[in-house]
Amino acid sequence: MKTWAFYFILYIPLCQTSNTLMAQTNGNITLRTFKQQIQEILWKFEGDKVVDWDIQSDNVIEYLQFRERTFLDRKTGDVTISGLKPKDSGQYEAEVDVDNGIHSVKYKVEIIDPVSKPSIFCIKENGTATLTCHAEGPRLSYSWRGPGLTTEISGQVGPNISREEPVDSEFECVVRNPVSENSEHFQAAQCFTDEEGKKSEHGGNTVIAMAATLLCLILILAVACLVYFRKKYSKRDIPAEEVQHPVNVNTQANGCEDGQEGPNSDTMLLSL
């Protein structure tokens, strides 16, 4: 009984620590043992094996979803997991064999998406505008930096600006979550130049439409004129076979000798 009691006491973990870590999707994470010169180690995830190693065989064996995704430091037992996915979130535990006994280290790991690139928008009203910021991702916090702001503004709604704002005034929205940070810059004058640009574009489109309409009317008028004149002049073209040549009265004498009067000219005209 004493032998078994001694064996049981020997393998009770001499030290146990627990930590909470967060990492981003597709990133890496390193879980540390805080030990040196280990003899054997086993890492587990939710009770299932992740990777193990012992000094005698000197073989590192990976398991399940972690195959070809881990790097184990054989001196310290620290493990680095790459290509993280949301399903890798959960409880990790290491059992480390060192000269003075078994040590246990536990980690609660959460994998979340990084912050996307923010977008800044203008909400305009009565010649002024309010900047707002939006990004995708969990657990986001927003802050603003820019001219005239003595301290950072927190939240998605940023500073109010007017048309009189200097052209070179630039504001920055910074979005953070526990694993990443992203930002976007915005020039204040852009709120109102976009509006003027839209007006100019609308005016330009109107001019183009009017010009196109006028051109169509001109073409229609030209075609109508062409058709009219072709019909008008086509009526004057009399076929050659319908033309009657004039009768030479002098050659119609029908045997009249010189000095003799020919038929009466009035009669000739009537016969014609």
Protein backbone atom coordinates (compact mmCIF):
# COMPACT_ATOMS: atom_id res chain seq x y z
CA MET A 1 0.00 0.00 0.00
CA LYS A 2 2.83 2.38 0.75
CA THR A 3 4.32 1.73 -2.72
CA TRP A 4 1.03 2.54 -4.46
CA ALA A 5 0.49 5.57 -2.26
CA PHE A 6 3.96 6.84 -3.15
CA TYR A 7 3.29 6.25 -6.87
CA PHE A 8 0.01 8.16 -6.71
CA ILE A 9 1.53 11.11 -4.88
CA LEU A 10 4.43 11.25 -7.37
CA TYR A 11 2.10 11.75 -10.37
CA ILE A 12 -0.16 14.38 -8.83
CA PRO A 13 0.56 17.60 -10.82
CA LEU A 14 3.05 19.65 -8.86
CA CYS A 15 2.08 22.89 -10.61
CA GLN A 16 -1.03 23.86 -12.52
CA THR A 17 -1.61 27.14 -14.35
CA SER A 18 -4.49 28.32 -16.49
CA ASN A 19 -4.56 31.13 -19.06
CA THR A 20 -6.95 32.62 -21.60
CA LEU A 21 -5.65 33.45 -25.07
CA MET A 22 -7.19 34.84 -28.22
CA ALA A 23 -5.91 34.52 -31.80
CA GLN A 24 -7.16 35.44 -35.26
CA THR A 25 -8.47 33.15 -37.97
CA ASN A 26 -5.71 31.79 -40.25
CA GLY A 27 -3.09 32.98 -37.78
CA ASN A 28 -0.75 31.19 -35.38
CA ILE A 29 -0.70 30.70 -31.63
CA THR A 30 2.00 29.44 -29.27
CA LEU A 31 1.08 27.65 -26.05
CA ARG A 32 3.93 27.67 -23.52
CA THR A 33 4.83 25.36 -20.66
CA PHE A 34 7.30 27.71 -18.95
CA LYS A 35 9.61 24.73 -18.40
CA GLN A 36 13.08 23.70 -19.54
CA GLN A 37 14.72 20.34 -20.24
CA ILE A 38 11.52 18.31 -20.28
CA GLN A 39 11.48 14.50 -20.45
CA GLU A 40 8.04 13.97 -21.94
CA ILE A 41 4.99 16.01 -22.92
CA LEU A 42 1.41 15.50 -24.09
CA TRP A 43 -0.78 18.30 -25.38
CA LYS A 44 -4.56 17.75 -25.44
CA PHE A 45 -7.53 19.65 -26.88
CA GLU A 46 -10.89 19.11 -25.19
CA GLY A 47 -9.49 15.85 -23.79
CA ASP A 48 -8.22 14.53 -27.17
CA LYS A 49 -4.55 14.28 -28.07
CA VAL A 50 -2.98 17.07 -30.11
CA VAL A 51 0.73 16.16 -30.10
CA ASP A 52 3.09 14.19 -27.86
CA TRP A 53 6.80 13.52 -27.50
CA ASP A 54 9.16 11.68 -25.16
CA ILE A 55 12.91 11.84 -24.84
CA GLN A 56 13.44 8.10 -25.25
CA SER A 57 11.82 7.66 -28.68
CA ASP A 58 12.42 11.27 -29.71
CA ASN A 59 9.36 11.03 -32.00
CA VAL A 60 6.81 13.81 -32.32
CA ILE A 61 3.33 12.46 -33.10
CA GLU A 62 0.45 14.70 -34.21
CA TYR A 63 -3.22 13.75 -33.97
CA LEU A 64 -6.62 14.44 -35.60
CA GLN A 65 -7.22 17.94 -36.94
CA PHE A 66 -3.76 19.13 -35.88
CA ARG A 67 -1.69 16.94 -38.19
CA GLU A 68 0.92 18.95 -40.09
CA ARG A 69 -0.19 22.07 -38.22
CA THR A 70 1.98 21.99 -35.09
CA PHE A 71 5.58 22.70 -34.19
CA LEU A 72 6.81 21.32 -30.87
CA ASP A 73 9.88 22.66 -29.08
CA ARG A 74 11.48 19.52 -27.62
CA LYS A 75 13.39 21.42 -24.95
CA THR A 76 10.54 23.44 -23.50
CA GLY A 77 7.44 21.59 -24.73
CA ASP A 78 6.00 24.80 -26.19
CA VAL A 79 3.68 24.09 -29.13
CA THR A 80 2.84 26.44 -32.01
CA ILE A 81 -0.36 25.77 -33.95
CA SER A 82 -0.77 27.33 -37.39
CA GLY A 83 -3.69 27.82 -39.79
CA LEU A 84 -6.13 28.47 -36.97
CA LYS A 85 -9.84 27.92 -37.54
CA PRO A 86 -12.86 28.77 -35.37
CA LYS A 87 -13.23 25.07 -34.55
CA ASP A 88 -9.81 25.22 -32.84
CA SER A 89 -11.38 27.29 -30.06
CA GLY A 90 -11.60 25.46 -26.74
CA GLN A 91 -9.64 24.07 -23.81
CA TYR A 92 -5.99 23.01 -24.23
CA GLU A 93 -3.95 21.22 -21.61
CA ALA A 94 -0.31 20.09 -21.40
CA GLU A 95 1.05 17.38 -19.13
CA VAL A 96 4.79 17.95 -18.84
CA ASP A 97 7.25 15.47 -17.31
CA VAL A 98 10.29 17.17 -15.81
CA ASP A 99 12.88 15.96 -13.30
CA ASN A 100 10.82 16.92 -10.29
CA GLY A 101 7.46 15.57 -11.42
CA ILE A 102 4.44 16.17 -13.68
CA HIS A 103 3.37 19.72 -14.36
CA SER A 104 0.07 20.77 -15.93
CA VAL A 105 -0.66 23.88 -17.96
CA LYS A 106 -4.13 24.81 -19.24
CA TYR A 107 -5.25 27.36 -21.80
CA LYS A 108 -8.64 28.53 -22.91
CA VAL A 109 -8.24 29.57 -26.55
CA GLU A 110 -10.70 31.57 -28.67
CA ILE A 111 -10.21 32.04 -32.42
CA ILE A 112 -11.98 35.08 -33.92
CA ASP A 113 -11.89 36.94 -37.25
CA PRO A 114 -9.64 39.99 -37.65
CA VAL A 115 -11.01 43.48 -38.26
CA SER A 116 -11.90 44.19 -41.87
CA LYS A 117 -10.91 47.40 -43.66
CA PRO A 118 -13.17 50.17 -42.30
CA SER A 119 -15.39 52.37 -44.47
CA ILE A 120 -16.19 56.00 -43.65
CA PHE A 121 -19.48 57.65 -44.66
CA CYS A 122 -20.93 61.18 -44.57
CA ILE A 123 -24.36 61.88 -43.17
CA LYS A 124 -25.18 65.37 -44.52
CA GLU A 125 -27.77 67.76 -43.19
CA ASN A 126 -28.19 71.53 -43.61
CA GLY A 127 -24.69 72.19 -44.91
CA THR A 128 -22.92 70.10 -42.28
CA ALA A 129 -21.94 66.45 -42.12
CA THR A 130 -21.30 63.79 -39.51
CA LEU A 131 -18.70 61.12 -40.19
CA THR A 132 -19.54 57.50 -39.39
CA CYS A 133 -17.34 54.42 -39.55
CA HIS A 134 -18.16 50.76 -40.19
CA ALA A 135 -16.10 47.55 -40.20
CA GLU A 136 -16.74 43.81 -40.04
CA GLY A 137 -15.59 41.55 -37.21
CA PRO A 138 -16.42 40.53 -33.63
CA ARG A 139 -15.90 42.62 -30.49
CA LEU A 140 -15.14 45.86 -32.32
CA SER A 141 -14.20 49.16 -30.73
CA TYR A 142 -14.00 52.44 -32.68
CA SER A 143 -12.00 55.61 -32.15
CA TRP A 144 -11.39 58.80 -34.15
CA ARG A 145 -8.37 61.06 -34.58
CA GLY A 146 -8.14 64.31 -36.50
CA PRO A 147 -7.72 68.09 -36.47
CA GLY A 148 -9.59 69.92 -33.77
CA LEU A 149 -10.00 66.78 -31.63
CA THR A 150 -8.15 67.24 -28.37
CA THR A 151 -8.89 63.64 -27.40
CA GLU A 152 -9.96 60.56 -29.33
CA ILE A 153 -13.67 60.16 -29.99
CA SER A 154 -14.97 56.70 -29.17
CA GLY A 155 -17.74 55.00 -31.12
CA GLN A 156 -18.84 54.57 -34.72
CA VAL A 157 -20.17 58.15 -34.92
CA GLY A 158 -17.31 60.56 -35.47
CA PRO A 159 -16.85 64.35 -35.66
CA ASN A 160 -19.20 66.93 -37.18
CA ILE A 161 -17.76 68.94 -40.07
CA SER A 162 -18.94 71.85 -42.22
CA ARG A 163 -18.31 73.21 -45.72
CA GLU A 164 -15.83 75.68 -44.21
CA GLU A 165 -13.58 72.84 -43.07
CA PRO A 166 -10.04 73.25 -44.53
CA VAL A 167 -9.50 71.22 -47.69
CA ASP A 168 -6.54 69.35 -46.15
CA SER A 169 -8.39 68.33 -42.96
CA GLU A 170 -8.08 64.57 -42.61
CA PHE A 171 -9.73 62.31 -40.06
CA GLU A 172 -8.83 58.74 -39.16
CA CYS A 173 -11.11 55.96 -37.93
CA VAL A 174 -9.32 53.20 -36.02
CA VAL A 175 -11.11 49.90 -35.39
CA ARG A 176 -9.75 47.30 -32.99
CA ASN A 177 -10.67 43.93 -31.58
CA PRO A 178 -8.68 41.66 -29.24
CA VAL A 179 -6.62 40.15 -32.10
CA SER A 180 -6.21 42.91 -34.71
CA GLU A 181 -6.47 46.56 -35.69
CA ASN A 182 -7.31 48.38 -38.93
CA SER A 183 -7.84 52.01 -39.93
CA GLU A 184 -9.06 54.30 -42.69
CA HIS A 185 -8.40 57.98 -43.51
CA PHE A 186 -10.93 60.46 -44.88
CA GLN A 187 -10.61 64.06 -46.08
CA ALA A 188 -13.41 66.24 -44.73
CA ALA A 189 -13.85 68.21 -47.96
CA GLN A 190 -14.72 64.97 -49.74
CA CYS A 191 -18.16 65.04 -48.13
CA PHE A 192 -19.10 68.14 -50.12
CA THR A 193 -16.96 67.77 -53.26
CA ASP A 194 -18.73 64.48 -53.94
CA GLU A 195 -22.03 66.33 -53.81
CA GLU A 196 -20.80 69.04 -56.20
CA GLY A 197 -19.40 66.38 -58.48
CA LYS A 198 -22.76 64.66 -58.65
CA LYS A 199 -24.43 67.95 -59.57
CA SER A 200 -21.86 68.58 -62.31
CA GLU A 201 -22.26 65.07 -63.57
CA HIS A 202 -26.04 65.45 -63.63
CA GLY A 203 -25.73 68.75 -65.52
CA GLY A 204 -23.33 67.19 -67.99
CA ASN A 205 -25.68 64.30 -68.61
CA THR A 206 -28.53 66.76 -69.25
CA VAL A 207 -26.48 68.67 -71.83
CA ILE A 208 -25.52 65.44 -73.58
CA ALA A 209 -29.16 64.33 -73.70
CA MET A 210 -30.29 67.67 -75.14
CA ALA A 211 -27.53 67.60 -77.77
CA ALA A 212 -28.46 64.05 -78.77
CA THR A 213 -32.13 65.03 -79.08
CA LEU A 214 -31.27 68.05 -81.24
CA LEU A 215 -29.06 65.95 -83.49
CA CYS A 216 -31.87 63.43 -83.99
CA LEU A 217 -34.28 66.23 -84.95
CA ILE A 218 -31.78 67.61 -87.47
CA LEU A 219 -31.32 64.19 -89.03
CA ILE A 220 -35.07 63.63 -89.26
CA LEU A 221 -35.54 67.06 -90.90
CA ALA A 222 -32.72 66.39 -93.38
CA VAL A 223 -34.21 63.04 -94.38
CA ALA A 224 -37.66 64.59 -94.82
CA CYS A 225 -36.25 67.34 -97.05
CA LEU A 226 -34.36 64.83 -99.15
CA VAL A 227 -37.48 62.74 -99.73
CA TYR A 228 -39.54 65.82 -100.62
CA PHE A 229 -37.12 67.15 -103.23
CA ARG A 230 -36.59 63.75 -104.82
CA LYS A 231 -40.34 63.36 -105.32
CA LYS A 232 -40.67 66.91 -106.64
CA TYR A 233 -37.95 66.65 -109.29
CA SER A 234 -38.81 63.10 -110.30
CA LYS A 235 -42.15 64.38 -111.76
CA ARG A 236 -40.25 66.57 -114.28
CA ASP A 237 -38.33 63.69 -115.80
CA ILE A 238 -40.46 62.83 -118.94
CA PRO A 239 -39.41 59.65 -120.81
CA ALA A 240 -37.73 60.30 -124.19
CA GLU A 241 -40.24 58.16 -126.15
CA GLU A 242 -43.13 60.38 -125.00
CA VAL A 243 -41.56 63.56 -126.40
CA GLN A 244 -43.29 64.73 -129.76
CA HIS A 245 -40.94 66.49 -132.10
CA PRO A 246 -42.34 69.73 -133.68
CA VAL A 247 -43.53 69.53 -137.34
CA ASN A 248 -41.68 71.66 -139.84
CA VAL A 249 -44.43 73.42 -141.78
CA ASN A 250 -42.25 74.08 -144.76
CA THR A 251 -41.45 70.38 -145.19
CA GLN A 252 -45.12 69.43 -145.05
CA ALA A 253 -45.93 70.99 -148.42
CA ASN A 254 -46.79 67.54 -149.91
CA GLY A 255 -45.66 68.10 -153.45
CA CYS A 256 -46.11 71.84 -153.58
CA GLU A 257 -43.91 73.38 -156.16
CA ASP A 258 -41.89 76.47 -155.70
CA GLY A 259 -44.04 79.47 -155.88
CA GLN A 260 -47.15 77.58 -154.93
CA GLU A 261 -48.85 78.15 -151.70
CA GLY A 262 -49.00 75.32 -149.36
CA PRO A 263 -51.89 74.40 -147.19
CA ASN A 264 -53.27 77.04 -145.00
CA SER A 265 -51.16 77.46 -141.85
CA ASP A 266 -54.23 77.55 -139.72
CA THR A 267 -55.33 74.26 -141.19
CA MET A 268 -51.94 72.77 -140.39
CA LEU A 269 -52.09 73.89 -136.86
CA LEU A 270 -55.56 72.43 -136.47
CA SER A 271 -54.43 69.14 -137.92
CA LEU A 272 -51.66 69.06 -135.44
